[in-house]
Amino acid sequence: MTTDRPIRRALISVSDKSGLTDFAKFLSGQGVEILSTGGSAEALRKAGIPVIDVSAHTGFPEIMDGRVKTLHPKIHGGLLSRRDLATHVEAQKTHGIADIDLLVVNLYPFEATVAAGKPWEDCIENIDIGGPALIRGAAKNHDFVTVLVDPADYAVVVEEMTARKGATKLETRCRLARQAYARTAAYDAAISRWMAEQAEEKFPPRISFAGTRSQVLRYGENPHQEAAVYLTGEQRPGIALGKQLQGKELSYNNFNDADAAFELVAEFDEGAAIAIIKHANPCGVATGADLKSAYLRALACDPVSAFGGIIAANRVLDGAVAEEIAKIFSEVIIAPGFTPEAISVLGAKKNLRLVETGGMPSPATAGLTVRSIAGALLVQTNDAKKTGAGDLKVVTKRAPSAQEIADLLFAFKVAKHAKSNAIVYAKDGATVGVGAGQMSRVDSSRIAAWKAAEAAKTAGDATSWAKGSVVASDAFFPFADGLLAAAEAGATAVIQPGGSMRDDDVIKAADDAGLAMVFTGIRHFRH
């Protein structure tokens, strides 16, 4: 028995009218009777397409400024009736309910209204009621009814009706029904999240997250894993919303690392800055008078790890820095923009991915981060805390100099974006050694010191770059050993949150070593 279902009557009520008239002309040409409402009906009539007003079909006028127009048995009965059940067919005959075989609805632009910063009243009026009810009814009855919620699918139905003598097949109706339910779920999620935000309720008893698939990736973190990218609707400049100018398709790890790099470099809003990331950890970060000088200093921190890394810039990437970047292999470069000269230089590397974001994200913007664990989601506010000179508490006999304070704040910003336990050595606005992701803080400190010595050796300098540097720790030193490792390496000043039971011991060790140390009171764990 065929599962094809012919389309003889359609209900069209859309907010997004792109492609509507062409689709409706096709339906009309197929002999499909079109019911419509409000602006949709007006647009179709202007295009010369025959339309029957829903109010004429139901015999009941639109009321309450259009809030009530499709909530009627003749509409929902026409969508929900099973054509193969005698009781349903009999009810239709008794009450004069005609079949509706195709529903074309996209919802009031609630998300766009919120994104535009419109007032409460406008947002409330853009909560669609009839639309979701229609969509859910049509999708439930997909054995008989075709439902369209995305103009991108008009062509699918046109092609199928053309090939199947005005009908659609069950497989297509099932797929469109899945999309329909996903759309209403995302719509309700957006409304509930917005209402919780308006009430300043960060963690409501029930929370929903929704996304729209932007692309399916070749594979996930490893080749045996599958992956895709979903957009949440948040208009935050970055890798997900960026425009890829050239290069191979972005991988799962590219997305993850490029996001880490761009969020790190966004911390530096004064002057040019470059961050080089490998496996979501910074292997070199620097500021400079221009991007070229910043890049060369970032690269010098760990040129071995930088090979095959992700590079982020906080300024439009120019030709001068592009010439330097082109000398080694990199996976991705992400920046607010690229000059024509930079694109020309980097264009020779066909596989190198260039992503233009059009702007920088603000590190201070409030939001939520979500991570899955077995059977649950871990949800927290994002780490938007910024530390300035006024937040520093000097705890040692010697106070840091102005240059040390500048470097301490720089290093602490980098430590915020390195995996815990994180230790960052910095000098003159550039990292010289990074230790991250270790089980012991003293191990991170030793690794960072070793990295600084190796960087100096690579540059032909006999003296470790840790000498005369400052050190940042993302969390407190539980013992003095990590701090002493920094002192032994030649560091002169330390920034850390403080708060350990052994703070007094650590402070004494700093004093004995002649170090200046400041507490921030802020921890920046990143797991």
Protein backbone atom coordinates (compact mmCIF):
# COMPACT_ATOMS: atom_id res chain seq x y z
CA MET A 1 0.00 0.00 0.00
CA THR A 2 1.36 3.40 -0.94
CA THR A 3 2.22 5.85 1.81
CA ASP A 4 2.14 8.79 -0.58
CA ARG A 5 -0.29 11.48 0.54
CA PRO A 6 -1.57 14.02 -2.00
CA ILE A 7 -1.69 17.67 -1.04
CA ARG A 8 -5.01 19.28 -1.93
CA ARG A 9 -5.35 21.94 0.74
CA ALA A 10 -2.62 23.97 2.50
CA LEU A 11 -2.57 26.39 5.38
CA ILE A 12 0.09 29.08 5.13
CA SER A 13 0.91 31.47 7.98
CA VAL A 14 4.50 32.66 8.07
CA SER A 15 6.58 35.39 9.64
CA ASP A 16 9.58 34.80 7.37
CA LYS A 17 8.20 35.29 3.88
CA SER A 18 11.37 34.47 1.96
CA GLY A 19 10.57 32.23 -1.01
CA LEU A 20 6.88 32.25 -0.11
CA THR A 21 5.31 33.59 -3.29
CA ASP A 22 7.23 31.23 -5.59
CA PHE A 23 6.27 28.26 -3.42
CA ALA A 24 2.64 29.32 -3.21
CA LYS A 25 2.49 29.84 -7.00
CA PHE A 26 3.69 26.28 -7.42
CA LEU A 27 1.03 24.98 -5.02
CA SER A 28 -1.68 26.96 -6.76
CA GLY A 29 -0.51 25.64 -10.11
CA GLN A 30 -0.91 22.12 -8.71
CA GLY A 31 -4.53 22.89 -7.87
CA VAL A 32 -3.90 23.19 -4.13
CA GLU A 33 -6.42 25.32 -2.21
CA ILE A 34 -4.57 27.79 0.01
CA LEU A 35 -5.83 29.01 3.38
CA SER A 36 -3.94 31.89 4.95
CA THR A 37 -3.96 34.63 7.55
CA GLY A 38 -2.96 38.26 8.00
CA GLY A 39 0.24 39.39 6.35
CA SER A 40 0.76 36.06 4.59
CA ALA A 41 -2.63 36.27 2.89
CA GLU A 42 -1.95 39.87 1.90
CA ALA A 43 1.44 38.99 0.37
CA LEU A 44 -0.06 36.12 -1.61
CA ARG A 45 -2.93 38.24 -2.95
CA LYS A 46 -0.48 40.92 -4.04
CA ALA A 47 1.31 38.20 -6.00
CA GLY A 48 -1.97 37.25 -7.68
CA ILE A 49 -2.31 33.91 -5.87
CA PRO A 50 -5.86 32.81 -4.90
CA VAL A 51 -6.22 32.69 -1.10
CA ILE A 52 -9.04 31.86 1.30
CA ASP A 53 -8.89 33.68 4.62
CA VAL A 54 -8.84 31.37 7.62
CA SER A 55 -11.72 33.36 9.09
CA ALA A 56 -13.81 32.59 5.97
CA HIS A 57 -12.88 28.91 6.25
CA THR A 58 -13.79 28.66 9.95
CA GLY A 59 -16.69 31.10 9.94
CA PHE A 60 -15.12 32.79 12.95
CA PRO A 61 -13.31 36.15 12.78
CA GLU A 62 -9.80 36.90 14.00
CA ILE A 63 -10.11 38.47 17.45
CA MET A 64 -8.00 40.04 20.18
CA ASP A 65 -5.68 41.82 17.74
CA GLY A 66 -4.92 38.56 15.95
CA ARG A 67 -4.02 36.59 19.07
CA VAL A 68 -6.86 34.20 18.23
CA LYS A 69 -7.25 33.23 14.59
CA THR A 70 -6.18 29.61 13.94
CA LEU A 71 -7.22 28.18 17.32
CA HIS A 72 -10.37 26.60 15.91
CA PRO A 73 -11.68 23.00 15.49
CA LYS A 74 -11.97 23.40 11.73
CA ILE A 75 -8.24 24.11 11.59
CA HIS A 76 -6.93 21.66 14.15
CA GLY A 77 -9.44 19.01 13.16
CA GLY A 78 -8.31 19.33 9.56
CA LEU A 79 -4.70 18.80 10.62
CA LEU A 80 -5.23 16.09 13.25
CA SER A 81 -7.81 13.86 11.59
CA ARG A 82 -6.63 10.38 10.69
CA ARG A 83 -7.96 9.77 7.24
CA ASP A 84 -8.01 5.98 7.85
CA LEU A 85 -10.23 6.04 10.95
CA ALA A 86 -13.98 5.95 10.36
CA THR A 87 -14.71 7.79 13.60
CA HIS A 88 -12.47 10.66 12.55
CA VAL A 89 -13.93 10.83 9.07
CA GLU A 90 -17.46 10.77 10.51
CA ALA A 91 -16.62 13.59 12.93
CA GLN A 92 -15.32 15.64 10.01
CA LYS A 93 -18.57 15.12 8.09
CA THR A 94 -20.70 15.96 11.12
CA HIS A 95 -18.85 19.22 11.86
CA GLY A 96 -17.90 20.27 8.35
CA ILE A 97 -14.16 19.87 8.87
CA ALA A 98 -12.09 19.68 5.68
CA ASP A 99 -8.69 17.99 5.47
CA ILE A 100 -5.59 20.21 5.61
CA ASP A 101 -2.76 18.28 3.96
CA LEU A 102 0.08 20.80 4.16
CA LEU A 103 0.99 23.21 6.93
CA VAL A 104 3.48 25.99 6.18
CA VAL A 105 4.26 27.92 9.37
CA ASN A 106 7.27 29.68 10.75
CA LEU A 107 6.95 31.36 14.08
CA TYR A 108 6.85 34.95 15.28
CA PRO A 109 10.47 36.20 15.46
CA PHE A 110 10.81 35.96 19.23
CA GLU A 111 14.55 35.26 19.22
CA ALA A 112 15.25 38.15 16.84
CA THR A 113 13.11 40.49 18.94
CA VAL A 114 15.06 39.62 22.08
CA ALA A 115 18.40 39.88 20.25
CA ALA A 116 17.42 43.38 19.07
CA GLY A 117 16.96 44.45 22.69
CA LYS A 118 13.28 45.25 22.33
CA PRO A 119 11.23 46.02 25.46
CA TRP A 120 9.35 43.41 27.49
CA GLU A 121 6.00 44.13 25.85
CA ASP A 122 7.37 43.61 22.32
CA CYS A 123 9.04 40.35 23.33
CA ILE A 124 5.82 39.06 24.91
CA GLU A 125 3.77 39.92 21.82
CA ASN A 126 6.27 37.99 19.71
CA ILE A 127 5.62 34.77 21.60
CA ASP A 128 3.71 32.71 19.07
CA ILE A 129 0.84 30.60 20.43
CA GLY A 130 -1.17 29.40 17.45
CA GLY A 131 1.92 28.59 15.39
CA PRO A 132 3.45 26.03 17.77
CA ALA A 133 0.02 24.43 18.31
CA LEU A 134 -0.45 24.05 14.56
CA ILE A 135 3.06 22.71 14.05
CA ARG A 136 2.77 20.14 16.82
CA GLY A 137 -0.61 18.93 15.54
CA ALA A 138 0.55 18.62 11.93
CA ALA A 139 3.79 16.90 12.96
CA LYS A 140 1.92 14.43 15.15
CA ASN A 141 -0.27 13.50 12.19
CA HIS A 142 2.63 13.18 9.73
CA ASP A 143 1.17 9.92 8.43
CA PHE A 144 -1.17 12.19 6.48
CA VAL A 145 0.08 15.79 6.80
CA THR A 146 3.23 17.50 5.51
CA VAL A 147 4.59 20.21 7.78
CA LEU A 148 7.09 22.90 6.76
CA VAL A 149 8.76 25.21 9.29
CA ASP A 150 11.81 26.26 7.25
CA PRO A 151 11.73 28.03 3.86
CA ALA A 152 14.85 26.01 2.95
CA ASP A 153 12.59 22.95 2.64
CA TYR A 154 10.17 24.45 0.12
CA ALA A 155 12.31 23.10 -2.72
CA VAL A 156 12.16 19.58 -1.26
CA VAL A 157 8.36 19.57 -1.33
CA VAL A 158 8.25 21.12 -4.81
CA GLU A 159 10.57 18.43 -6.14
CA GLU A 160 8.66 15.63 -4.48
CA MET A 161 5.20 16.83 -5.50
CA THR A 162 6.43 17.22 -9.06
CA ALA A 163 7.83 13.69 -9.12
CA ARG A 164 4.95 12.04 -7.24
CA LYS A 165 1.90 13.61 -8.90
CA GLY A 166 1.19 16.18 -6.17
CA ALA A 167 2.00 13.90 -3.21
CA THR A 168 4.74 13.52 -0.61
CA LYS A 169 6.18 10.27 0.71
CA LEU A 170 6.13 9.13 4.34
CA GLU A 171 9.91 9.28 4.73
CA THR A 172 9.90 12.98 3.86
CA ARG A 173 6.93 13.74 6.11
CA CYS A 174 8.68 11.97 9.01
CA ARG A 175 11.85 14.00 8.51
CA LEU A 176 9.93 17.26 8.28
CA ALA A 177 7.98 16.33 11.44
CA ARG A 178 11.24 15.78 13.33
CA GLN A 179 12.42 19.19 12.23
CA ALA A 180 9.12 20.70 13.28
CA TYR A 181 9.31 19.35 16.82
CA ALA A 182 12.94 20.44 17.09
CA ARG A 183 11.88 23.95 16.09
CA THR A 184 9.08 24.23 18.65
CA ALA A 185 11.38 22.80 21.33
CA ALA A 186 14.06 25.38 20.54
CA TYR A 187 11.45 28.14 20.47
CA ASP A 188 10.10 27.23 23.90
CA ALA A 189 13.66 26.89 25.22
CA ALA A 190 14.46 30.42 24.05
CA ILE A 191 11.32 31.79 25.72
CA SER A 192 11.93 30.01 29.03
CA ARG A 193 15.58 31.07 29.10
CA TRP A 194 14.63 34.70 28.38
CA MET A 195 11.95 34.77 31.07
CA ALA A 196 14.40 33.31 33.59
CA GLU A 197 16.95 35.98 32.63
CA GLN A 198 14.36 38.73 33.05
CA ALA A 199 13.70 37.43 36.55
CA GLU A 200 17.47 37.23 37.17
CA GLU A 201 17.09 33.52 37.81
CA LYS A 202 20.38 32.00 36.70
CA PHE A 203 19.49 28.42 37.53
CA PRO A 204 15.73 27.79 37.21
CA PRO A 205 14.30 24.43 38.35
CA ARG A 206 14.11 23.29 34.72
CA ILE A 207 16.44 24.56 32.02
CA SER A 208 16.52 23.95 28.28
CA PHE A 209 19.28 24.43 25.76
CA ALA A 210 18.75 24.44 22.02
CA GLY A 211 20.91 24.70 18.94
CA THR A 212 20.66 24.77 15.17
CA ARG A 213 23.06 22.52 13.32
CA SER A 214 25.44 24.56 11.21
CA GLN A 215 27.58 21.70 9.97
CA VAL A 216 28.43 18.04 10.41
CA LEU A 217 32.15 17.55 10.97
CA ARG A 218 34.33 14.88 9.39
CA TYR A 219 34.82 13.33 12.83
CA GLY A 220 35.06 14.28 16.47
CA GLU A 221 37.96 14.53 18.88
CA ASN A 222 39.20 11.22 17.41
CA PRO A 223 38.50 9.64 14.01
CA HIS A 224 36.17 7.00 15.48
CA GLN A 225 33.92 9.70 16.99
CA GLU A 226 31.18 11.60 15.15
CA ALA A 227 30.58 15.32 15.64
CA ALA A 228 28.60 18.36 14.54
CA VAL A 229 28.43 22.07 15.32
CA TYR A 230 25.21 23.62 16.66
CA LEU A 231 24.63 27.37 16.91
CA THR A 232 22.91 28.58 20.05
CA GLY A 233 21.78 31.96 18.78
CA GLU A 234 24.28 33.86 20.95
CA GLN A 235 25.79 36.60 18.79
CA ARG A 236 29.32 36.36 20.21
CA PRO A 237 32.16 36.87 17.71
CA GLY A 238 34.22 33.73 17.45
CA ILE A 239 34.97 30.57 15.54
CA ALA A 240 31.37 29.32 15.36
CA LEU A 241 29.99 32.49 13.73
CA GLY A 242 33.15 33.40 11.84
CA LYS A 243 33.54 33.38 8.06
CA GLN A 244 36.09 30.90 6.75
CA LEU A 245 38.04 32.59 3.99
CA GLN A 246 40.18 29.65 2.89
CA GLY A 247 41.56 26.27 3.86
CA LYS A 248 40.33 22.78 4.65
CA GLU A 249 37.14 22.11 6.55
CA LEU A 250 37.46 22.95 10.25
CA SER A 251 37.73 19.92 12.52
CA TYR A 252 36.25 19.36 15.97
CA ASN A 253 39.65 20.08 17.57
CA ASN A 254 40.08 23.16 15.37
CA PHE A 255 36.82 24.58 16.71
CA ASN A 256 37.79 23.85 20.30
CA ASP A 257 41.33 25.23 20.05
CA ALA A 258 40.37 28.28 17.99
CA ASP A 259 37.71 29.17 20.55
CA ALA A 260 40.28 28.90 23.34
CA ALA A 261 42.76 31.05 21.41
CA PHE A 262 40.28 33.77 20.49
CA GLU A 263 38.79 34.03 23.98
CA LEU A 264 42.31 34.35 25.41
CA VAL A 265 43.46 37.07 23.03
CA ALA A 266 40.22 38.97 23.68
CA GLU A 267 41.52 39.63 27.22
CA PHE A 268 43.90 42.21 25.76
CA ASP A 269 41.94 45.24 24.62
CA GLU A 270 44.87 47.68 24.57
CA GLY A 271 47.45 47.23 21.82
CA ALA A 272 48.09 44.30 19.54
CA ALA A 273 48.10 40.77 20.94
CA ILE A 274 48.74 37.27 19.61
CA ALA A 275 47.97 33.92 21.23
CA ILE A 276 49.28 30.61 19.93
CA ILE A 277 47.33 27.60 21.20
CA LYS A 278 48.04 23.90 21.11
CA HIS A 279 45.55 21.39 22.52
CA ALA A 280 43.54 24.21 24.14
CA ASN A 281 46.58 25.47 26.09
CA PRO A 282 48.63 28.59 25.36
CA CYS A 283 52.17 27.85 24.21
CA GLY A 284 52.89 31.52 23.56
CA VAL A 285 51.09 34.81 24.18
CA ALA A 286 52.41 38.34 23.72
CA THR A 287 51.43 41.94 23.25
CA GLY A 288 53.34 44.40 21.11
CA ALA A 289 53.37 47.65 19.22
CA ASP A 290 51.99 45.71 16.23
CA LEU A 291 50.90 42.18 15.43
CA LYS A 292 54.24 41.24 13.89
CA SER A 293 56.21 42.05 17.04
CA ALA A 294 53.56 40.38 19.21
CA TYR A 295 53.65 37.24 17.07
CA LEU A 296 57.45 36.94 17.08
CA ARG A 297 57.53 37.26 20.86
CA ALA A 298 54.69 34.75 21.32
CA LEU A 299 56.40 32.30 18.97
CA ALA A 300 59.73 32.63 20.81
CA CYS A 301 58.14 31.32 24.02
CA ASP A 302 57.77 27.80 22.60
CA PRO A 303 58.51 27.52 18.87
CA VAL A 304 58.44 23.72 18.99
CA SER A 305 54.90 23.49 20.38
CA ALA A 306 53.74 26.30 18.07
CA PHE A 307 54.22 24.03 15.05
CA GLY A 308 50.74 22.97 13.90
CA GLY A 309 49.09 25.35 16.37
CA ILE A 310 46.18 27.77 16.29
CA ILE A 311 46.95 31.50 16.06
CA ALA A 312 44.57 34.20 17.27
CA ALA A 313 44.94 37.94 16.84
CA ASN A 314 42.97 40.76 18.43
CA ARG A 315 43.46 43.10 15.47
CA VAL A 316 43.00 42.89 11.71
CA LEU A 317 45.81 40.65 10.50
CA ASP A 318 48.16 42.49 8.15
CA GLY A 319 50.69 41.47 5.55
CA ALA A 320 53.74 41.97 7.77
CA VAL A 321 52.64 39.45 10.39
CA ALA A 322 51.28 37.14 7.68
CA GLU A 323 54.80 36.92 6.18
CA GLU A 324 56.13 35.69 9.54
CA ILE A 325 53.26 33.28 10.19
CA ALA A 326 53.73 31.74 6.74
CA LYS A 327 57.21 30.55 7.71
CA ILE A 328 55.87 27.68 9.86
CA PHE A 329 52.97 25.25 9.64
CA SER A 330 49.79 26.38 11.41
CA GLU A 331 46.31 24.85 11.40
CA VAL A 332 44.06 27.90 11.85
CA ILE A 333 44.39 31.67 12.04
CA ILE A 334 41.45 33.48 13.61
CA ALA A 335 41.19 37.27 13.68
CA PRO A 336 38.61 40.07 13.46
CA GLY A 337 39.71 40.58 9.86
CA PHE A 338 42.47 40.13 7.28
CA THR A 339 43.96 42.73 4.95
CA PRO A 340 44.13 41.88 1.23
CA GLU A 341 47.92 41.64 1.61
CA ALA A 342 47.59 39.07 4.41
CA ILE A 343 45.13 37.00 2.38
CA SER A 344 47.47 37.11 -0.60
CA VAL A 345 50.45 35.94 1.47
CA LEU A 346 48.59 33.20 3.31
CA GLY A 347 46.70 32.12 0.20
CA ALA A 348 49.76 30.18 -0.88
CA LYS A 349 49.07 27.77 2.00
CA LYS A 350 45.91 26.22 0.59
CA ASN A 351 45.16 24.03 3.61
CA LEU A 352 45.62 26.82 6.17
CA ARG A 353 42.24 27.81 7.55
CA LEU A 354 41.59 31.56 7.85
CA VAL A 355 38.56 32.58 9.91
CA GLU A 356 37.35 36.17 10.01
CA THR A 357 35.06 37.05 12.94
CA GLY A 358 34.24 40.70 12.24
CA GLY A 359 34.82 41.67 15.89
CA MET A 360 36.09 40.64 19.29
CA PRO A 361 34.11 39.01 22.13
CA SER A 362 33.98 40.79 25.47
CA PRO A 363 35.55 38.76 28.31
CA ALA A 364 33.26 40.56 30.77
CA THR A 365 29.98 39.49 29.14
CA ALA A 366 27.90 37.32 31.46
CA GLY A 367 26.76 33.94 30.25
CA LEU A 368 26.56 30.25 31.05
CA THR A 369 28.91 27.40 30.23
CA VAL A 370 27.62 23.85 29.93
CA ARG A 371 29.41 20.52 30.17
CA SER A 372 27.93 17.05 30.04
CA ILE A 373 28.66 14.32 32.55
CA ALA A 374 26.99 10.93 32.91
CA GLY A 375 23.27 11.55 33.32
CA ALA A 376 23.55 15.28 33.88
CA LEU A 377 24.68 18.69 32.73
CA LEU A 378 27.08 20.84 34.73
CA VAL A 379 26.05 24.46 34.28
CA GLN A 380 27.92 27.48 35.62
CA THR A 381 28.29 31.18 34.98
CA ASN A 382 31.27 31.88 32.75
CA ASP A 383 34.56 33.13 34.19
CA ALA A 384 34.04 36.80 33.35
CA LYS A 385 36.04 38.20 36.29
CA LYS A 386 38.74 40.70 35.35
CA THR A 387 41.59 41.62 37.68
CA GLY A 388 43.07 45.11 37.68
CA ALA A 389 45.84 46.82 39.58
CA GLY A 390 43.33 48.04 42.17
CA ASP A 391 42.44 44.42 43.02
CA LEU A 392 45.98 43.46 44.04
CA LYS A 393 46.93 43.03 47.68
CA VAL A 394 50.65 43.20 48.39
CA VAL A 395 51.49 40.56 51.02
CA THR A 396 55.30 40.64 51.02
CA LYS A 397 57.79 43.12 52.43
CA ARG A 398 58.74 44.21 48.95
CA ALA A 399 56.03 45.66 46.71
CA PRO A 400 56.23 44.97 42.99
CA SER A 401 57.45 47.70 40.65
CA ALA A 402 55.18 49.28 38.04
CA GLN A 403 56.68 47.04 35.34
CA GLU A 404 56.25 43.97 37.50
CA ILE A 405 52.61 44.85 38.15
CA ALA A 406 51.97 45.19 34.41
CA ASP A 407 53.58 41.80 33.77
CA LEU A 408 51.78 40.18 36.71
CA LEU A 409 48.41 41.26 35.36
CA PHE A 410 49.38 40.06 31.88
CA ALA A 411 50.49 36.67 33.21
CA PHE A 412 47.35 36.27 35.32
CA LYS A 413 45.17 36.82 32.23
CA VAL A 414 47.05 34.06 30.43
CA ALA A 415 46.85 31.72 33.44
CA LYS A 416 43.07 32.16 33.40
CA HIS A 417 43.04 30.44 30.00
CA ALA A 418 45.53 27.64 30.72
CA LYS A 419 44.44 24.26 32.04
CA SER A 420 44.83 23.75 35.78
CA ASN A 421 47.22 23.51 37.46
CA ALA A 422 48.57 26.51 35.54
CA ILE A 423 51.83 28.43 36.04
CA VAL A 424 52.81 31.23 33.65
CA TYR A 425 56.16 33.04 33.50
CA ALA A 426 56.06 36.39 31.72
CA LYS A 427 58.34 39.32 30.98
CA ASP A 428 57.68 42.62 29.22
CA GLY A 429 54.19 41.64 28.08
CA ALA A 430 55.05 38.19 26.73
CA THR A 431 55.01 34.68 28.08
CA VAL A 432 58.44 33.08 28.47
CA GLY A 433 57.30 29.76 29.96
CA VAL A 434 53.96 28.00 30.51
CA GLY A 435 53.23 24.92 32.62
CA ALA A 436 49.67 23.63 32.49
CA GLY A 437 47.44 20.64 33.11
CA GLN A 438 49.63 18.99 35.72
CA MET A 439 48.43 17.09 38.75
CA SER A 440 50.91 18.98 40.95
CA ARG A 441 51.37 22.76 40.98
CA VAL A 442 55.09 22.37 41.65
CA ASP A 443 55.36 20.22 38.50
CA SER A 444 53.67 22.99 36.48
CA SER A 445 56.12 25.47 37.97
CA ARG A 446 59.11 23.32 37.07
CA ILE A 447 57.83 22.67 33.55
CA ALA A 448 57.28 26.39 33.00
CA ALA A 449 60.80 27.15 34.23
CA TRP A 450 62.21 24.44 31.95
CA LYS A 451 60.26 25.87 29.02
CA ALA A 452 61.72 29.32 29.75
CA ALA A 453 65.25 27.88 29.75
CA GLU A 454 64.60 26.01 26.49
CA ALA A 455 63.16 29.13 24.85
CA ALA A 456 66.29 31.08 25.76
CA LYS A 457 68.53 28.29 24.45
CA THR A 458 66.62 28.18 21.14
CA ALA A 459 67.06 31.95 20.81
CA GLY A 460 70.81 31.62 21.51
CA ASP A 461 70.57 33.23 24.94
CA ALA A 462 72.73 31.65 27.65
CA THR A 463 70.47 32.95 30.42
CA SER A 464 67.04 31.43 31.05
CA TRP A 465 64.23 33.79 30.20
CA ALA A 466 62.71 32.99 33.57
CA LYS A 467 65.39 35.17 35.15
CA GLY A 468 63.84 38.57 35.83
CA SER A 469 60.35 37.35 34.91
CA VAL A 470 57.17 37.32 36.96
CA VAL A 471 55.01 34.28 37.73
CA ALA A 472 51.24 33.81 37.78
CA SER A 473 49.45 30.89 39.40
CA ASP A 474 45.79 30.23 38.61
CA ALA A 475 45.18 29.03 42.19
CA PHE A 476 46.97 29.36 45.51
CA PHE A 477 50.26 27.63 46.28
CA PRO A 478 49.32 24.94 48.84
CA PHE A 479 53.00 24.69 49.81
CA ALA A 480 56.03 26.88 49.33
CA ASP A 481 57.70 24.40 46.95
CA GLY A 482 56.01 25.73 43.79
CA LEU A 483 56.92 29.28 44.68
CA LEU A 484 60.51 28.29 45.54
CA ALA A 485 60.81 26.61 42.14
CA ALA A 486 59.91 29.95 40.58
CA ALA A 487 62.43 31.77 42.76
CA GLU A 488 65.15 29.28 41.85
CA ALA A 489 64.37 29.89 38.16
CA GLY A 490 64.99 33.61 38.66
CA ALA A 491 61.49 35.08 38.94
CA THR A 492 61.17 38.34 40.85
CA ALA A 493 57.45 38.64 41.54
CA VAL A 494 54.42 36.39 41.95
CA ILE A 495 50.65 36.81 41.51
CA GLN A 496 48.26 34.25 42.99
CA PRO A 497 44.77 34.14 44.51
CA GLY A 498 45.90 33.36 48.08
CA GLY A 499 43.62 31.58 50.52
CA SER A 500 45.75 28.59 51.46
CA MET A 501 45.98 27.35 55.04
CA ARG A 502 49.74 27.80 54.57
CA ASP A 503 49.67 31.33 53.13
CA ASP A 504 51.90 32.53 55.95
CA ASP A 505 54.53 29.92 55.09
CA VAL A 506 54.37 30.84 51.41
CA ILE A 507 54.62 34.57 52.18
CA LYS A 508 57.66 33.95 54.43
CA ALA A 509 59.30 31.91 51.68
CA ALA A 510 58.68 34.77 49.23
CA ASP A 511 60.18 37.28 51.67
CA ASP A 512 63.19 35.08 52.29
CA ALA A 513 63.74 34.81 48.54
CA GLY A 514 63.32 38.57 48.03
CA LEU A 515 60.21 38.13 45.91
CA ALA A 516 57.34 40.57 45.66
CA MET A 517 53.98 38.81 45.87
CA VAL A 518 50.39 39.96 45.43
CA PHE A 519 47.10 38.19 46.16
CA THR A 520 44.05 38.66 43.96
CA GLY A 521 41.43 36.75 45.93
CA ILE A 522 40.26 35.27 42.60
CA ARG A 523 40.92 31.71 41.44
CA HIS A 524 40.86 30.81 37.75
CA PHE A 525 40.65 27.01 37.56
CA ARG A 526 40.04 25.73 34.04
CA HIS A 527 39.46 22.00 33.70
